[in-house]
N, C-alpha and C. Protein backbone atom coordinates (compact mmCIF):
# COMPACT_ATOMS: atom_id res chain seq x y z
N UNK A 1 4.69 21.28 118.30
CA UNK A 1 5.22 21.65 117.02
C UNK A 1 4.07 21.89 116.06
N UNK A 2 4.20 22.90 115.25
CA UNK A 2 3.19 23.19 114.25
C UNK A 2 3.56 22.46 112.97
N UNK A 3 2.61 21.76 112.43
CA UNK A 3 2.81 21.03 111.20
C UNK A 3 1.80 21.55 110.20
N UNK A 4 2.19 21.62 108.94
CA UNK A 4 1.22 22.01 107.94
C UNK A 4 1.05 20.90 106.93
N UNK A 5 -0.14 20.79 106.44
CA UNK A 5 -0.51 19.81 105.43
C UNK A 5 -1.31 20.57 104.39
N UNK A 6 -0.82 20.64 103.18
CA UNK A 6 -1.45 21.43 102.14
C UNK A 6 -2.17 20.53 101.15
N UNK A 7 -3.43 20.87 100.88
CA UNK A 7 -4.21 20.11 99.90
C UNK A 7 -5.04 21.09 99.07
N UNK A 8 -5.21 20.79 97.78
CA UNK A 8 -6.07 21.65 96.98
C UNK A 8 -7.53 21.43 97.34
N UNK A 9 -8.32 22.48 97.29
CA UNK A 9 -9.76 22.39 97.51
C UNK A 9 -10.46 22.24 96.16
N UNK A 10 -11.58 21.57 96.15
CA UNK A 10 -12.44 21.48 94.97
C UNK A 10 -11.70 21.00 93.74
N UNK A 11 -10.89 19.98 93.89
CA UNK A 11 -10.18 19.43 92.75
C UNK A 11 -8.80 20.03 92.61
N UNK A 12 -8.09 19.57 91.63
CA UNK A 12 -6.70 19.99 91.46
C UNK A 12 -6.53 20.97 90.32
N UNK A 13 -7.58 21.69 89.96
CA UNK A 13 -7.49 22.66 88.88
C UNK A 13 -6.49 23.76 89.19
N UNK A 14 -6.03 24.42 88.14
CA UNK A 14 -5.00 25.46 88.29
C UNK A 14 -5.47 26.61 89.18
N UNK A 15 -6.77 26.88 89.22
CA UNK A 15 -7.25 27.99 90.03
C UNK A 15 -7.93 27.54 91.32
N UNK A 16 -7.79 26.28 91.67
CA UNK A 16 -8.42 25.75 92.88
C UNK A 16 -7.80 26.39 94.11
N UNK A 17 -8.63 26.75 95.10
CA UNK A 17 -8.09 27.27 96.36
C UNK A 17 -7.20 26.22 97.03
N UNK A 18 -6.27 26.68 97.83
CA UNK A 18 -5.38 25.80 98.57
C UNK A 18 -5.78 25.84 100.04
N UNK A 19 -5.90 24.66 100.65
CA UNK A 19 -6.22 24.54 102.06
C UNK A 19 -4.99 24.04 102.80
N UNK A 20 -4.61 24.76 103.85
CA UNK A 20 -3.47 24.38 104.67
C UNK A 20 -3.98 24.07 106.06
N UNK A 21 -3.75 22.84 106.51
CA UNK A 21 -4.13 22.44 107.87
C UNK A 21 -2.95 22.70 108.80
N UNK A 22 -3.19 23.46 109.85
CA UNK A 22 -2.16 23.71 110.86
C UNK A 22 -2.58 23.02 112.14
N UNK A 23 -1.62 22.49 112.89
CA UNK A 23 -1.96 21.96 114.20
C UNK A 23 -0.78 22.06 115.13
N UNK A 24 -1.09 22.03 116.41
CA UNK A 24 -0.06 22.17 117.44
C UNK A 24 0.07 23.62 117.87
N UNK A 25 1.22 23.93 118.46
CA UNK A 25 1.49 25.28 118.96
C UNK A 25 2.17 26.13 117.90
N UNK A 26 1.74 27.37 117.81
CA UNK A 26 2.44 28.36 116.99
C UNK A 26 3.09 29.31 117.98
N UNK A 27 4.36 29.07 118.24
CA UNK A 27 5.06 29.82 119.27
C UNK A 27 6.46 30.20 118.79
N UNK A 28 7.27 30.71 119.69
CA UNK A 28 8.61 31.17 119.36
C UNK A 28 9.47 30.07 118.73
N UNK A 29 9.17 28.84 119.04
CA UNK A 29 9.97 27.72 118.53
C UNK A 29 9.53 27.27 117.13
N UNK A 30 8.35 27.65 116.71
CA UNK A 30 7.83 27.15 115.44
C UNK A 30 7.55 28.22 114.39
N UNK A 31 7.58 29.49 114.76
CA UNK A 31 7.16 30.53 113.83
C UNK A 31 8.06 30.65 112.60
N UNK A 32 9.37 30.54 112.76
CA UNK A 32 10.27 30.69 111.61
C UNK A 32 10.00 29.62 110.56
N UNK A 33 9.87 28.38 111.01
CA UNK A 33 9.62 27.29 110.07
C UNK A 33 8.23 27.43 109.43
N UNK A 34 7.25 27.82 110.23
CA UNK A 34 5.90 28.01 109.71
C UNK A 34 5.89 29.12 108.66
N UNK A 35 6.54 30.23 108.96
CA UNK A 35 6.60 31.36 108.02
C UNK A 35 7.16 30.89 106.68
N UNK A 36 8.27 30.17 106.71
CA UNK A 36 8.90 29.71 105.48
C UNK A 36 8.02 28.74 104.71
N UNK A 37 7.37 27.84 105.41
CA UNK A 37 6.49 26.88 104.73
C UNK A 37 5.29 27.57 104.10
N UNK A 38 4.73 28.55 104.79
CA UNK A 38 3.60 29.27 104.22
C UNK A 38 4.02 30.12 103.02
N UNK A 39 5.20 30.72 103.09
CA UNK A 39 5.71 31.49 101.95
C UNK A 39 5.93 30.55 100.76
N UNK A 40 6.46 29.37 101.02
CA UNK A 40 6.64 28.39 99.95
C UNK A 40 5.30 27.97 99.37
N UNK A 41 4.29 27.84 100.21
CA UNK A 41 2.95 27.47 99.76
C UNK A 41 2.37 28.55 98.85
N UNK A 42 2.66 29.81 99.15
CA UNK A 42 2.17 30.90 98.30
C UNK A 42 2.64 30.76 96.86
N UNK A 43 3.84 30.23 96.68
CA UNK A 43 4.38 30.08 95.33
C UNK A 43 3.54 29.13 94.48
N UNK A 44 2.75 28.27 95.13
CA UNK A 44 1.95 27.29 94.41
C UNK A 44 0.44 27.55 94.56
N UNK A 45 0.10 28.69 95.11
CA UNK A 45 -1.31 29.02 95.35
C UNK A 45 -1.81 30.00 94.30
N UNK A 46 -3.09 29.90 94.01
CA UNK A 46 -3.72 30.86 93.10
C UNK A 46 -5.04 31.31 93.70
N UNK A 47 -5.23 32.57 93.80
CA UNK A 47 -6.52 33.12 94.21
C UNK A 47 -6.85 33.09 95.68
N UNK A 48 -6.91 31.91 96.26
CA UNK A 48 -7.35 31.79 97.65
C UNK A 48 -6.51 30.76 98.40
N UNK A 49 -5.96 31.18 99.53
CA UNK A 49 -5.22 30.31 100.43
C UNK A 49 -5.97 30.30 101.75
N UNK A 50 -6.43 29.13 102.18
CA UNK A 50 -7.22 29.01 103.40
C UNK A 50 -6.40 28.27 104.45
N UNK A 51 -6.26 28.87 105.62
CA UNK A 51 -5.57 28.24 106.73
C UNK A 51 -6.60 27.68 107.70
N UNK A 52 -6.58 26.36 107.88
CA UNK A 52 -7.47 25.70 108.83
C UNK A 52 -6.76 25.66 110.18
N UNK A 53 -7.29 26.40 111.14
CA UNK A 53 -6.67 26.53 112.46
C UNK A 53 -7.37 25.68 113.52
N UNK A 54 -8.26 24.81 113.11
CA UNK A 54 -9.09 24.08 114.07
C UNK A 54 -8.29 23.21 115.04
N UNK A 55 -7.08 22.84 114.67
CA UNK A 55 -6.28 21.98 115.57
C UNK A 55 -5.06 22.72 116.15
N UNK A 56 -5.09 24.04 116.06
CA UNK A 56 -4.03 24.84 116.69
C UNK A 56 -4.34 24.94 118.17
N UNK A 57 -3.38 24.54 119.01
CA UNK A 57 -3.60 24.51 120.45
C UNK A 57 -3.14 25.80 121.15
N UNK A 58 -2.25 26.55 120.50
CA UNK A 58 -1.75 27.80 121.07
C UNK A 58 -1.24 28.66 119.93
N UNK A 59 -1.47 29.96 120.03
CA UNK A 59 -0.90 30.91 119.07
C UNK A 59 -0.45 32.14 119.82
N UNK A 60 0.85 32.36 119.82
CA UNK A 60 1.41 33.52 120.48
C UNK A 60 1.49 34.72 119.54
N UNK A 61 2.06 35.79 120.04
CA UNK A 61 2.18 37.02 119.25
C UNK A 61 2.98 36.79 117.98
N UNK A 62 4.01 35.95 118.07
CA UNK A 62 4.80 35.64 116.88
C UNK A 62 3.98 34.96 115.81
N UNK A 63 3.06 34.12 116.23
CA UNK A 63 2.18 33.44 115.27
C UNK A 63 1.27 34.42 114.56
N UNK A 64 0.75 35.38 115.32
CA UNK A 64 -0.09 36.42 114.71
C UNK A 64 0.75 37.23 113.72
N UNK A 65 2.00 37.49 114.09
CA UNK A 65 2.91 38.20 113.19
C UNK A 65 3.14 37.44 111.90
N UNK A 66 3.26 36.13 111.99
CA UNK A 66 3.43 35.30 110.79
C UNK A 66 2.20 35.42 109.90
N UNK A 67 1.01 35.35 110.48
CA UNK A 67 -0.22 35.46 109.70
C UNK A 67 -0.29 36.81 108.98
N UNK A 68 0.06 37.88 109.67
CA UNK A 68 0.02 39.21 109.08
C UNK A 68 1.04 39.31 107.94
N UNK A 69 2.25 38.82 108.19
CA UNK A 69 3.30 38.88 107.17
C UNK A 69 2.96 38.07 105.93
N UNK A 70 2.44 36.87 106.14
CA UNK A 70 2.08 36.02 105.00
C UNK A 70 0.91 36.63 104.25
N UNK A 71 -0.03 37.23 104.98
CA UNK A 71 -1.15 37.88 104.31
C UNK A 71 -0.64 39.02 103.42
N UNK A 72 0.31 39.78 103.89
CA UNK A 72 0.86 40.88 103.09
C UNK A 72 1.52 40.35 101.83
N UNK A 73 2.28 39.28 101.96
CA UNK A 73 2.91 38.67 100.78
C UNK A 73 1.86 38.12 99.82
N UNK A 74 0.83 37.52 100.38
CA UNK A 74 -0.24 36.97 99.54
C UNK A 74 -0.89 38.08 98.73
N UNK A 75 -1.18 39.19 99.37
CA UNK A 75 -1.84 40.31 98.69
C UNK A 75 -1.02 40.80 97.50
N UNK A 76 0.30 40.87 97.66
CA UNK A 76 1.14 41.35 96.56
C UNK A 76 1.09 40.39 95.37
N UNK A 77 0.69 39.15 95.60
CA UNK A 77 0.57 38.15 94.53
C UNK A 77 -0.88 37.98 94.07
N UNK A 78 -1.78 38.80 94.61
CA UNK A 78 -3.18 38.71 94.23
C UNK A 78 -3.89 37.53 94.87
N UNK A 79 -3.37 37.05 95.98
CA UNK A 79 -3.95 35.90 96.69
C UNK A 79 -4.63 36.39 97.96
N UNK A 80 -5.82 35.90 98.22
CA UNK A 80 -6.53 36.19 99.46
C UNK A 80 -6.18 35.12 100.47
N UNK A 81 -5.79 35.53 101.67
CA UNK A 81 -5.52 34.60 102.77
C UNK A 81 -6.73 34.63 103.70
N UNK A 82 -7.39 33.49 103.85
CA UNK A 82 -8.56 33.38 104.71
C UNK A 82 -8.29 32.36 105.81
N UNK A 83 -9.03 32.47 106.90
CA UNK A 83 -8.90 31.55 108.03
C UNK A 83 -10.19 30.76 108.19
N UNK A 84 -10.06 29.53 108.65
CA UNK A 84 -11.22 28.72 108.97
C UNK A 84 -10.90 27.90 110.22
N UNK A 85 -11.94 27.46 110.91
CA UNK A 85 -11.75 26.64 112.10
C UNK A 85 -11.01 27.35 113.21
N UNK A 86 -11.23 28.64 113.34
CA UNK A 86 -10.50 29.44 114.33
C UNK A 86 -10.96 29.05 115.73
N UNK A 87 -10.02 28.55 116.57
CA UNK A 87 -10.39 28.17 117.95
C UNK A 87 -10.85 29.40 118.75
N UNK A 88 -11.70 29.19 119.76
CA UNK A 88 -12.24 30.31 120.54
C UNK A 88 -11.18 31.25 121.10
N UNK A 89 -10.09 30.71 121.64
CA UNK A 89 -9.05 31.59 122.21
C UNK A 89 -8.43 32.46 121.13
N UNK A 90 -8.20 31.88 119.98
CA UNK A 90 -7.59 32.64 118.90
C UNK A 90 -8.59 33.64 118.32
N UNK A 91 -9.85 33.26 118.25
CA UNK A 91 -10.89 34.19 117.78
C UNK A 91 -10.94 35.40 118.70
N UNK A 92 -10.82 35.16 119.99
CA UNK A 92 -10.82 36.26 120.97
C UNK A 92 -9.62 37.16 120.76
N UNK A 93 -8.45 36.57 120.54
CA UNK A 93 -7.23 37.34 120.29
C UNK A 93 -7.38 38.19 119.03
N UNK A 94 -7.92 37.61 117.98
CA UNK A 94 -8.14 38.36 116.74
C UNK A 94 -9.13 39.50 116.96
N UNK A 95 -10.16 39.23 117.74
CA UNK A 95 -11.18 40.26 118.03
C UNK A 95 -10.59 41.39 118.86
N UNK A 96 -9.84 41.06 119.91
CA UNK A 96 -9.25 42.08 120.79
C UNK A 96 -8.29 42.99 120.04
N UNK A 97 -7.50 42.39 119.12
CA UNK A 97 -6.51 43.16 118.37
C UNK A 97 -7.09 43.84 117.13
N UNK A 98 -8.36 43.56 116.83
CA UNK A 98 -8.98 44.14 115.65
C UNK A 98 -8.62 43.42 114.36
N UNK A 99 -7.88 42.34 114.48
CA UNK A 99 -7.46 41.60 113.29
C UNK A 99 -8.57 40.74 112.70
N UNK A 100 -9.65 40.59 113.43
CA UNK A 100 -10.79 39.83 112.89
C UNK A 100 -11.37 40.55 111.68
N UNK A 101 -11.09 41.85 111.53
CA UNK A 101 -11.56 42.61 110.37
C UNK A 101 -10.55 42.53 109.22
N UNK A 102 -9.34 42.12 109.53
CA UNK A 102 -8.28 42.06 108.52
C UNK A 102 -8.30 40.73 107.75
N UNK A 103 -8.65 39.65 108.44
CA UNK A 103 -8.64 38.32 107.84
C UNK A 103 -10.06 37.86 107.54
N UNK A 104 -10.35 37.46 106.30
CA UNK A 104 -11.64 36.83 106.05
C UNK A 104 -11.70 35.53 106.83
N UNK A 105 -12.80 35.30 107.54
CA UNK A 105 -12.96 34.08 108.32
C UNK A 105 -14.10 33.28 107.72
N UNK A 106 -13.77 32.07 107.29
CA UNK A 106 -14.76 31.19 106.67
C UNK A 106 -15.31 30.23 107.70
N UNK A 107 -16.58 29.91 107.59
CA UNK A 107 -17.21 28.98 108.53
C UNK A 107 -16.77 27.56 108.27
């Protein structure tokens, strides 16, 4: 199951980036709930939303679809969606699909 834990970065200021920790599998069973939680998180984010993927054990095509969809929604609100802690398998998937150029990846 994918769980998210949202915390503000660099203090709780109104413009502080938001960090979302994801872990577990992002698959057909978890994508709908993840999509809704991330959309809800956008409502409280300003400027930068960072998804920490370091504890994601699997990400299927549906998970990639969620990331693309949430990124599109974020852009319409002036929010940048960035990724951090991208596991090697997921980094490879992003590279193969060309999505590594679409998402800012933070070290």
